[in-house]
Amino acid sequence: MHPDDIAEIFPRVSIGTPGRIIYQPVLLACLEDGRLFLEVHRDVYERKPDPQLAVERLAQERGVAAQLDWGKVQEVLLRKTGLAIEVGRR
């Protein structure tokens, strides 16, 4: 979670509240204004397939594959900084 999200949720959650952890090292966000962001984390548990294939699948599912700048996507995939980077063609 983003630190700002944690700060917002923290006061509303009691100790002992059950939660669910979702392990997703590749995230693709499609904003309402058309911007596309890719976030890639190192796959520390080696539980997911090739990150390139994960991006391709996510882009196809969301119908945005043609809108991605695949050169920027490759940079994000190589760096794996865990930061959301804009990767859309604009």
PDB file of N, CA and C in Angstrom:
ATOM      1  N   MET A   1       0.832  -1.185   0.000  1.00  0.00           N
ATOM      2  CA  MET A   1       0.000   0.000   0.000  1.00  0.00           C
ATOM      3  C   MET A   1       0.874   1.244   0.000  1.00  0.00           C
ATOM      4  N   HIS A   2       0.328   2.289  -0.553  1.00  0.00           N
ATOM      5  CA  HIS A   2       1.013   3.577  -0.548  1.00  0.00           C
ATOM      6  C   HIS A   2       0.935   4.144   0.877  1.00  0.00           C
ATOM      7  N   PRO A   3       1.991   4.798   1.351  1.00  0.00           N
ATOM      8  CA  PRO A   3       1.989   5.338   2.712  1.00  0.00           C
ATOM      9  C   PRO A   3       0.802   6.268   3.002  1.00  0.00           C
ATOM     10  N   ASP A   4       0.376   7.053   2.018  1.00  0.00           N
ATOM     11  CA  ASP A   4      -0.781   7.934   2.226  1.00  0.00           C
ATOM     12  C   ASP A   4      -2.048   7.127   2.470  1.00  0.00           C
ATOM     13  N   ASP A   5      -2.188   6.009   1.775  1.00  0.00           N
ATOM     14  CA  ASP A   5      -3.353   5.139   1.973  1.00  0.00           C
ATOM     15  C   ASP A   5      -3.333   4.523   3.367  1.00  0.00           C
ATOM     16  N   ILE A   6      -2.156   4.117   3.798  1.00  0.00           N
ATOM     17  CA  ILE A   6      -2.018   3.535   5.134  1.00  0.00           C
ATOM     18  C   ILE A   6      -2.405   4.562   6.190  1.00  0.00           C
ATOM     19  N   ALA A   7      -1.927   5.802   6.027  1.00  0.00           N
ATOM     20  CA  ALA A   7      -2.239   6.860   6.997  1.00  0.00           C
ATOM     21  C   ALA A   7      -3.736   7.122   7.067  1.00  0.00           C
ATOM     22  N   GLU A   8      -4.424   7.024   5.954  1.00  0.00           N
ATOM     23  CA  GLU A   8      -5.870   7.261   5.928  1.00  0.00           C
ATOM     24  C   GLU A   8      -6.639   6.111   6.578  1.00  0.00           C
ATOM     25  N   ILE A   9      -6.200   4.887   6.344  1.00  0.00           N
ATOM     26  CA  ILE A   9      -6.915   3.719   6.853  1.00  0.00           C
ATOM     27  C   ILE A   9      -6.611   3.449   8.327  1.00  0.00           C
ATOM     28  N   PHE A  10      -5.404   3.728   8.770  1.00  0.00           N
ATOM     29  CA  PHE A  10      -4.944   3.362  10.117  1.00  0.00           C
ATOM     30  C   PHE A  10      -5.925   3.736  11.227  1.00  0.00           C
ATOM     31  N   PRO A  11      -6.418   4.983  11.281  1.00  0.00           N
ATOM     32  CA  PRO A  11      -7.306   5.323  12.399  1.00  0.00           C
ATOM     33  C   PRO A  11      -8.677   4.639  12.351  1.00  0.00           C
ATOM     34  N   ARG A  12      -9.017   4.047  11.214  1.00  0.00           N
ATOM     35  CA  ARG A  12     -10.327   3.412  11.065  1.00  0.00           C
ATOM     36  C   ARG A  12     -10.306   1.902  11.322  1.00  0.00           C
ATOM     37  N   VAL A  13      -9.132   1.342  11.557  1.00  0.00           N
ATOM     38  CA  VAL A  13      -9.007  -0.111  11.723  1.00  0.00           C
ATOM     39  C   VAL A  13      -8.587  -0.424  13.151  1.00  0.00           C
ATOM     40  N   SER A  14      -9.313  -1.327  13.763  1.00  0.00           N
ATOM     41  CA  SER A  14      -9.001  -1.734  15.141  1.00  0.00           C
ATOM     42  C   SER A  14      -7.956  -2.849  15.136  1.00  0.00           C
ATOM     43  N   ILE A  15      -7.226  -2.942  16.229  1.00  0.00           N
ATOM     44  CA  ILE A  15      -6.269  -4.038  16.399  1.00  0.00           C
ATOM     45  C   ILE A  15      -7.051  -5.348  16.354  1.00  0.00           C
ATOM     46  N   GLY A  16      -6.547  -6.292  15.592  1.00  0.00           N
ATOM     47  CA  GLY A  16      -7.191  -7.592  15.468  1.00  0.00           C
ATOM     48  C   GLY A  16      -8.122  -7.710  14.270  1.00  0.00           C
ATOM     49  N   THR A  17      -8.318  -6.608  13.533  1.00  0.00           N
ATOM     50  CA  THR A  17      -9.161  -6.667  12.344  1.00  0.00           C
ATOM     51  C   THR A  17      -8.491  -7.564  11.313  1.00  0.00           C
ATOM     52  N   PRO A  18      -9.202  -8.574  10.809  1.00  0.00           N
ATOM     53  CA  PRO A  18      -8.576  -9.439   9.802  1.00  0.00           C
ATOM     54  C   PRO A  18      -8.343  -8.682   8.498  1.00  0.00           C
ATOM     55  N   GLY A  19      -7.328  -9.094   7.807  1.00  0.00           N
ATOM     56  CA  GLY A  19      -6.989  -8.483   6.521  1.00  0.00           C
ATOM     57  C   GLY A  19      -6.493  -9.543   5.559  1.00  0.00           C
ATOM     58  N   ARG A  20      -6.236  -9.124   4.358  1.00  0.00           N
ATOM     59  CA  ARG A  20      -5.748 -10.040   3.335  1.00  0.00           C
ATOM     60  C   ARG A  20      -4.556  -9.395   2.643  1.00  0.00           C
ATOM     61  N   ILE A  21      -3.490 -10.137   2.507  1.00  0.00           N
ATOM     62  CA  ILE A  21      -2.297  -9.649   1.824  1.00  0.00           C
ATOM     63  C   ILE A  21      -2.318 -10.198   0.402  1.00  0.00           C
ATOM     64  N   ILE A  22      -2.191  -9.292  -0.556  1.00  0.00           N
ATOM     65  CA  ILE A  22      -2.181  -9.689  -1.962  1.00  0.00           C
ATOM     66  C   ILE A  22      -0.778  -9.424  -2.496  1.00  0.00           C
ATOM     67  N   TYR A  23      -0.133 -10.466  -2.974  1.00  0.00           N
ATOM     68  CA  TYR A  23       1.228 -10.363  -3.504  1.00  0.00           C
ATOM     69  C   TYR A  23       1.131 -10.130  -5.000  1.00  0.00           C
ATOM     70  N   GLN A  24       1.410  -8.902  -5.421  1.00  0.00           N
ATOM     71  CA  GLN A  24       1.287  -8.559  -6.835  1.00  0.00           C
ATOM     72  C   GLN A  24       2.443  -7.633  -7.215  1.00  0.00           C
ATOM     73  N   PRO A  25       3.578  -8.192  -7.659  1.00  0.00           N
ATOM     74  CA  PRO A  25       4.750  -7.365  -7.951  1.00  0.00           C
ATOM     75  C   PRO A  25       4.635  -6.514  -9.220  1.00  0.00           C
ATOM     76  N   VAL A  26       3.633  -6.766 -10.062  1.00  0.00           N
ATOM     77  CA  VAL A  26       3.434  -5.966 -11.277  1.00  0.00           C
ATOM     78  C   VAL A  26       2.035  -5.373 -11.240  1.00  0.00           C
ATOM     79  N   LEU A  27       1.971  -4.032 -11.279  1.00  0.00           N
ATOM     80  CA  LEU A  27       0.697  -3.323 -11.236  1.00  0.00           C
ATOM     81  C   LEU A  27       0.606  -2.364 -12.418  1.00  0.00           C
ATOM     82  N   LEU A  28      -0.550  -2.303 -13.050  1.00  0.00           N
ATOM     83  CA  LEU A  28      -0.787  -1.372 -14.146  1.00  0.00           C
ATOM     84  C   LEU A  28      -2.029  -0.569 -13.802  1.00  0.00           C
ATOM     85  N   ALA A  29      -1.874   0.745 -13.674  1.00  0.00           N
ATOM     86  CA  ALA A  29      -2.986   1.625 -13.327  1.00  0.00           C
ATOM     87  C   ALA A  29      -3.395   2.444 -14.547  1.00  0.00           C
ATOM     88  N   CYS A  30      -4.686   2.475 -14.789  1.00  0.00           N
ATOM     89  CA  CYS A  30      -5.261   3.252 -15.889  1.00  0.00           C
ATOM     90  C   CYS A  30      -6.129   4.336 -15.260  1.00  0.00           C
ATOM     91  N   LEU A  31      -5.666   5.573 -15.307  1.00  0.00           N
ATOM     92  CA  LEU A  31      -6.392   6.662 -14.677  1.00  0.00           C
ATOM     93  C   LEU A  31      -7.519   7.166 -15.577  1.00  0.00           C
ATOM     94  N   GLU A  32      -8.482   7.854 -14.973  1.00  0.00           N
ATOM     95  CA  GLU A  32      -9.626   8.360 -15.723  1.00  0.00           C
ATOM     96  C   GLU A  32      -9.220   9.347 -16.806  1.00  0.00           C
ATOM     97  N   ASP A  33      -8.113  10.063 -16.611  1.00  0.00           N
ATOM     98  CA  ASP A  33      -7.667  11.040 -17.605  1.00  0.00           C
ATOM     99  C   ASP A  33      -6.868  10.394 -18.744  1.00  0.00           C
ATOM    100  N   GLY A  34      -6.766   9.062 -18.728  1.00  0.00           N
ATOM    101  CA  GLY A  34      -6.085   8.342 -19.806  1.00  0.00           C
ATOM    102  C   GLY A  34      -4.632   8.031 -19.542  1.00  0.00           C
ATOM    103  N   ARG A  35      -4.068   8.544 -18.458  1.00  0.00           N
ATOM    104  CA  ARG A  35      -2.667   8.251 -18.166  1.00  0.00           C
ATOM    105  C   ARG A  35      -2.540   6.816 -17.667  1.00  0.00           C
ATOM    106  N   LEU A  36      -1.403   6.205 -18.010  1.00  0.00           N
ATOM    107  CA  LEU A  36      -1.115   4.815 -17.642  1.00  0.00           C
ATOM    108  C   LEU A  36       0.161   4.775 -16.818  1.00  0.00           C
ATOM    109  N   PHE A  37       0.100   4.061 -15.698  1.00  0.00           N
ATOM    110  CA  PHE A  37       1.252   3.948 -14.815  1.00  0.00           C
ATOM    111  C   PHE A  37       1.561   2.474 -14.583  1.00  0.00           C
ATOM    112  N   LEU A  38       2.857   2.172 -14.588  1.00  0.00           N
ATOM    113  CA  LEU A  38       3.321   0.809 -14.336  1.00  0.00           C
ATOM    114  C   LEU A  38       4.203   0.821 -13.100  1.00  0.00           C
ATOM    115  N   GLU A  39       3.958  -0.130 -12.220  1.00  0.00           N
ATOM    116  CA  GLU A  39       4.752  -0.283 -11.000  1.00  0.00           C
ATOM    117  C   GLU A  39       5.250  -1.724 -10.965  1.00  0.00           C
ATOM    118  N   VAL A  40       6.564  -1.882 -10.890  1.00  0.00           N
ATOM    119  CA  VAL A  40       7.153  -3.222 -10.869  1.00  0.00           C
ATOM    120  C   VAL A  40       8.078  -3.339  -9.667  1.00  0.00           C
ATOM    121  N   HIS A  41       7.795  -4.322  -8.842  1.00  0.00           N
ATOM    122  CA  HIS A  41       8.616  -4.626  -7.671  1.00  0.00           C
ATOM    123  C   HIS A  41       9.441  -5.875  -7.960  1.00  0.00           C
ATOM    124  N   ARG A  42      10.528  -6.016  -7.257  1.00  0.00           N
ATOM    125  CA  ARG A  42      11.302  -7.257  -7.358  1.00  0.00           C
ATOM    126  C   ARG A  42      10.433  -8.396  -6.833  1.00  0.00           C
ATOM    127  N   ASP A  43      10.454  -9.500  -7.508  1.00  0.00           N
ATOM    128  CA  ASP A  43       9.633 -10.659  -7.127  1.00  0.00           C
ATOM    129  C   ASP A  43      10.418 -11.477  -6.104  1.00  0.00           C
ATOM    130  N   VAL A  44      10.436 -10.976  -4.865  1.00  0.00           N
ATOM    131  CA  VAL A  44      11.289 -11.565  -3.835  1.00  0.00           C
ATOM    132  C   VAL A  44      10.937 -13.013  -3.509  1.00  0.00           C
ATOM    133  N   TYR A  45       9.684 -13.407  -3.727  1.00  0.00           N
ATOM    134  CA  TYR A  45       9.278 -14.780  -3.447  1.00  0.00           C
ATOM    135  C   TYR A  45       9.273 -15.659  -4.691  1.00  0.00           C
ATOM    136  N   GLU A  46       9.605 -15.071  -5.831  1.00  0.00           N
ATOM    137  CA  GLU A  46       9.636 -15.795  -7.116  1.00  0.00           C
ATOM    138  C   GLU A  46       8.354 -16.584  -7.337  1.00  0.00           C
ATOM    139  N   ARG A  47       7.221 -15.910  -7.107  1.00  0.00           N
ATOM    140  CA  ARG A  47       5.924 -16.568  -7.222  1.00  0.00           C
ATOM    141  C   ARG A  47       5.199 -16.247  -8.526  1.00  0.00           C
ATOM    142  N   LYS A  48       5.649 -15.233  -9.231  1.00  0.00           N
ATOM    143  CA  LYS A  48       4.935 -14.815 -10.440  1.00  0.00           C
ATOM    144  C   LYS A  48       5.752 -15.160 -11.677  1.00  0.00           C
ATOM    145  N   PRO A  49       5.060 -15.289 -12.801  1.00  0.00           N
ATOM    146  CA  PRO A  49       5.789 -15.558 -14.051  1.00  0.00           C
ATOM    147  C   PRO A  49       6.536 -14.314 -14.516  1.00  0.00           C
ATOM    148  N   ASP A  50       7.114 -14.405 -15.666  1.00  0.00           N
ATOM    149  CA  ASP A  50       7.857 -13.324 -16.296  1.00  0.00           C
ATOM    150  C   ASP A  50       7.088 -11.999 -16.193  1.00  0.00           C
ATOM    151  N   PRO A  51       7.705 -10.936 -15.630  1.00  0.00           N
ATOM    152  CA  PRO A  51       7.016  -9.664 -15.492  1.00  0.00           C
ATOM    153  C   PRO A  51       6.558  -9.081 -16.835  1.00  0.00           C
ATOM    154  N   GLN A  52       7.320  -9.319 -17.898  1.00  0.00           N
ATOM    155  CA  GLN A  52       6.923  -8.846 -19.230  1.00  0.00           C
ATOM    156  C   GLN A  52       5.572  -9.450 -19.612  1.00  0.00           C
ATOM    157  N   LEU A  53       5.423 -10.739 -19.386  1.00  0.00           N
ATOM    158  CA  LEU A  53       4.154 -11.401 -19.700  1.00  0.00           C
ATOM    159  C   LEU A  53       3.022 -10.875 -18.818  1.00  0.00           C
ATOM    160  N   ALA A  54       3.346 -10.555 -17.569  1.00  0.00           N
ATOM    161  CA  ALA A  54       2.334 -10.004 -16.668  1.00  0.00           C
ATOM    162  C   ALA A  54       1.840  -8.647 -17.178  1.00  0.00           C
ATOM    163  N   VAL A  55       2.767  -7.793 -17.647  1.00  0.00           N
ATOM    164  CA  VAL A  55       2.372  -6.487 -18.194  1.00  0.00           C
ATOM    165  C   VAL A  55       1.524  -6.685 -19.445  1.00  0.00           C
ATOM    166  N   GLU A  56       1.950  -7.572 -20.328  1.00  0.00           N
ATOM    167  CA  GLU A  56       1.190  -7.818 -21.558  1.00  0.00           C
ATOM    168  C   GLU A  56      -0.229  -8.296 -21.234  1.00  0.00           C
ATOM    169  N   ARG A  57      -0.357  -9.195 -20.262  1.00  0.00           N
ATOM    170  CA  ARG A  57      -1.678  -9.705 -19.875  1.00  0.00           C
ATOM    171  C   ARG A  57      -2.542  -8.596 -19.295  1.00  0.00           C
ATOM    172  N   LEU A  58      -1.973  -7.811 -18.379  1.00  0.00           N
ATOM    173  CA  LEU A  58      -2.727  -6.710 -17.770  1.00  0.00           C
ATOM    174  C   LEU A  58      -3.161  -5.689 -18.819  1.00  0.00           C
ATOM    175  N   ALA A  59      -2.263  -5.373 -19.750  1.00  0.00           N
ATOM    176  CA  ALA A  59      -2.583  -4.395 -20.800  1.00  0.00           C
ATOM    177  C   ALA A  59      -3.701  -4.909 -21.702  1.00  0.00           C
ATOM    178  N   GLN A  60      -3.662  -6.189 -22.046  1.00  0.00           N
ATOM    179  CA  GLN A  60      -4.722  -6.778 -22.870  1.00  0.00           C
ATOM    180  C   GLN A  60      -6.053  -6.783 -22.123  1.00  0.00           C
ATOM    181  N   GLU A  61      -6.029  -7.182 -20.849  1.00  0.00           N
ATOM    182  CA  GLU A  61      -7.254  -7.220 -20.048  1.00  0.00           C
ATOM    183  C   GLU A  61      -7.913  -5.853 -19.964  1.00  0.00           C
ATOM    184  N   ARG A  62      -7.100  -4.800 -19.899  1.00  0.00           N
ATOM    185  CA  ARG A  62      -7.625  -3.446 -19.741  1.00  0.00           C
ATOM    186  C   ARG A  62      -7.820  -2.741 -21.086  1.00  0.00           C
ATOM    187  N   GLY A  63      -7.404  -3.399 -22.164  1.00  0.00           N
ATOM    188  CA  GLY A  63      -7.570  -2.826 -23.499  1.00  0.00           C
ATOM    189  C   GLY A  63      -6.693  -1.616 -23.774  1.00  0.00           C
ATOM    190  N   VAL A  64      -5.496  -1.605 -23.181  1.00  0.00           N
ATOM    191  CA  VAL A  64      -4.619  -0.442 -23.333  1.00  0.00           C
ATOM    192  C   VAL A  64      -3.263  -0.774 -23.961  1.00  0.00           C
ATOM    193  N   ALA A  65      -3.104  -1.958 -24.503  1.00  0.00           N
ATOM    194  CA  ALA A  65      -1.798  -2.377 -25.032  1.00  0.00           C
ATOM    195  C   ALA A  65      -1.265  -1.402 -26.086  1.00  0.00           C
ATOM    196  N   ALA A  66      -2.129  -0.907 -26.948  1.00  0.00           N
ATOM    197  CA  ALA A  66      -1.695   0.007 -28.015  1.00  0.00           C
ATOM    198  C   ALA A  66      -1.351   1.391 -27.479  1.00  0.00           C
ATOM    199  N   GLN A  67      -1.778   1.691 -26.272  1.00  0.00           N
ATOM    200  CA  GLN A  67      -1.523   3.010 -25.687  1.00  0.00           C
ATOM    201  C   GLN A  67      -0.243   3.059 -24.871  1.00  0.00           C
ATOM    202  N   LEU A  68       0.393   1.904 -24.675  1.00  0.00           N
ATOM    203  CA  LEU A  68       1.623   1.857 -23.878  1.00  0.00           C
ATOM    204  C   LEU A  68       2.834   2.217 -24.723  1.00  0.00           C
ATOM    205  N   ASP A  69       3.759   2.920 -24.114  1.00  0.00           N
ATOM    206  CA  ASP A  69       5.067   3.162 -24.712  1.00  0.00           C
ATOM    207  C   ASP A  69       5.933   2.001 -24.232  1.00  0.00           C
ATOM    208  N   TRP A  70       6.128   1.009 -25.094  1.00  0.00           N
ATOM    209  CA  TRP A  70       6.786  -0.221 -24.674  1.00  0.00           C
ATOM    210  C   TRP A  70       8.264  -0.018 -24.341  1.00  0.00           C
ATOM    211  N   GLY A  71       8.873   1.047 -24.850  1.00  0.00           N
ATOM    212  CA  GLY A  71      10.245   1.385 -24.452  1.00  0.00           C
ATOM    213  C   GLY A  71      10.291   1.776 -22.981  1.00  0.00           C
ATOM    214  N   LYS A  72       9.311   2.605 -22.558  1.00  0.00           N
ATOM    215  CA  LYS A  72       9.223   2.988 -21.146  1.00  0.00           C
ATOM    216  C   LYS A  72       8.898   1.768 -20.287  1.00  0.00           C
ATOM    217  N   VAL A  73       8.026   0.909 -20.801  1.00  0.00           N
ATOM    218  CA  VAL A  73       7.678  -0.316 -20.067  1.00  0.00           C
ATOM    219  C   VAL A  73       8.939  -1.131 -19.806  1.00  0.00           C
ATOM    220  N   GLN A  74       9.784  -1.283 -20.828  1.00  0.00           N
ATOM    221  CA  GLN A  74      11.023  -2.064 -20.666  1.00  0.00           C
ATOM    222  C   GLN A  74      11.927  -1.466 -19.595  1.00  0.00           C
ATOM    223  N   GLU A  75      12.015  -0.126 -19.552  1.00  0.00           N
ATOM    224  CA  GLU A  75      12.836   0.529 -18.527  1.00  0.00           C
ATOM    225  C   GLU A  75      12.327   0.205 -17.130  1.00  0.00           C
ATOM    226  N   VAL A  76      11.007   0.307 -16.959  1.00  0.00           N
ATOM    227  CA  VAL A  76      10.414   0.027 -15.652  1.00  0.00           C
ATOM    228  C   VAL A  76      10.638  -1.436 -15.269  1.00  0.00           C
ATOM    229  N   LEU A  77      10.499  -2.328 -16.243  1.00  0.00           N
ATOM    230  CA  LEU A  77      10.724  -3.752 -15.985  1.00  0.00           C
ATOM    231  C   LEU A  77      12.171  -4.028 -15.579  1.00  0.00           C
ATOM    232  N   LEU A  78      13.107  -3.345 -16.180  1.00  0.00           N
ATOM    233  CA  LEU A  78      14.523  -3.555 -15.851  1.00  0.00           C
ATOM    234  C   LEU A  78      14.877  -3.006 -14.473  1.00  0.00           C
ATOM    235  N   ARG A  79      14.350  -1.835 -14.156  1.00  0.00           N
ATOM    236  CA  ARG A  79      14.728  -1.169 -12.906  1.00  0.00           C
ATOM    237  C   ARG A  79      14.043  -1.762 -11.677  1.00  0.00           C
ATOM    238  N   LYS A  80      12.786  -2.146 -11.806  1.00  0.00           N
ATOM    239  CA  LYS A  80      12.037  -2.736 -10.676  1.00  0.00           C
ATOM    240  C   LYS A  80      12.187  -1.910  -9.401  1.00  0.00           C
ATOM    241  N   THR A  81      11.876  -0.610  -9.490  1.00  0.00           N
ATOM    242  CA  THR A  81      12.034   0.289  -8.344  1.00  0.00           C
ATOM    243  C   THR A  81      10.869   0.228  -7.367  1.00  0.00           C
ATOM    244  N   GLY A  82       9.733  -0.315  -7.791  1.00  0.00           N
ATOM    245  CA  GLY A  82       8.554  -0.318  -6.933  1.00  0.00           C
ATOM    246  C   GLY A  82       7.808   1.005  -6.951  1.00  0.00           C
ATOM    247  N   LEU A  83       8.200   1.911  -7.845  1.00  0.00           N
ATOM    248  CA  LEU A  83       7.533   3.206  -7.980  1.00  0.00           C
ATOM    249  C   LEU A  83       6.633   3.192  -9.211  1.00  0.00           C
ATOM    250  N   ALA A  84       5.505   3.870  -9.121  1.00  0.00           N
ATOM    251  CA  ALA A  84       4.596   3.968 -10.260  1.00  0.00           C
ATOM    252  C   ALA A  84       5.161   4.991 -11.250  1.00  0.00           C
ATOM    253  N   ILE A  85       5.431   4.537 -12.471  1.00  0.00           N
ATOM    254  CA  ILE A  85       6.018   5.379 -13.516  1.00  0.00           C
ATOM    255  C   ILE A  85       5.042   5.468 -14.683  1.00  0.00           C
ATOM    256  N   GLU A  86       4.852   6.664 -15.216  1.00  0.00           N
ATOM    257  CA  GLU A  86       3.935   6.826 -16.349  1.00  0.00           C
ATOM    258  C   GLU A  86       4.546   6.166 -17.589  1.00  0.00           C
ATOM    259  N   VAL A  87       3.774   5.314 -18.241  1.00  0.00           N
ATOM    260  CA  VAL A  87       4.288   4.562 -19.393  1.00  0.00           C
ATOM    261  C   VAL A  87       3.366   4.670 -20.602  1.00  0.00           C
ATOM    262  N   GLY A  88       2.414   5.576 -20.562  1.00  0.00           N
ATOM    263  CA  GLY A  88       1.509   5.733 -21.694  1.00  0.00           C
ATOM    264  C   GLY A  88       2.097   6.633 -22.767  1.00  0.00           C
ATOM    265  N   ARG A  89       1.585   6.475 -23.975  1.00  0.00           N
ATOM    266  CA  ARG A  89       1.984   7.354 -25.074  1.00  0.00           C
ATOM    267  C   ARG A  89       1.144   8.614 -24.957  1.00  0.00           C
ATOM    268  N   ARG A  90       1.803   9.756 -24.925  1.00  0.00           N
ATOM    269  CA  ARG A  90       1.070  11.029 -24.822  1.00  0.00           C
ATOM    270  C   ARG A  90       1.680  12.020 -25.733  1.00  0.00           C
TER     271      ARG A  90
END
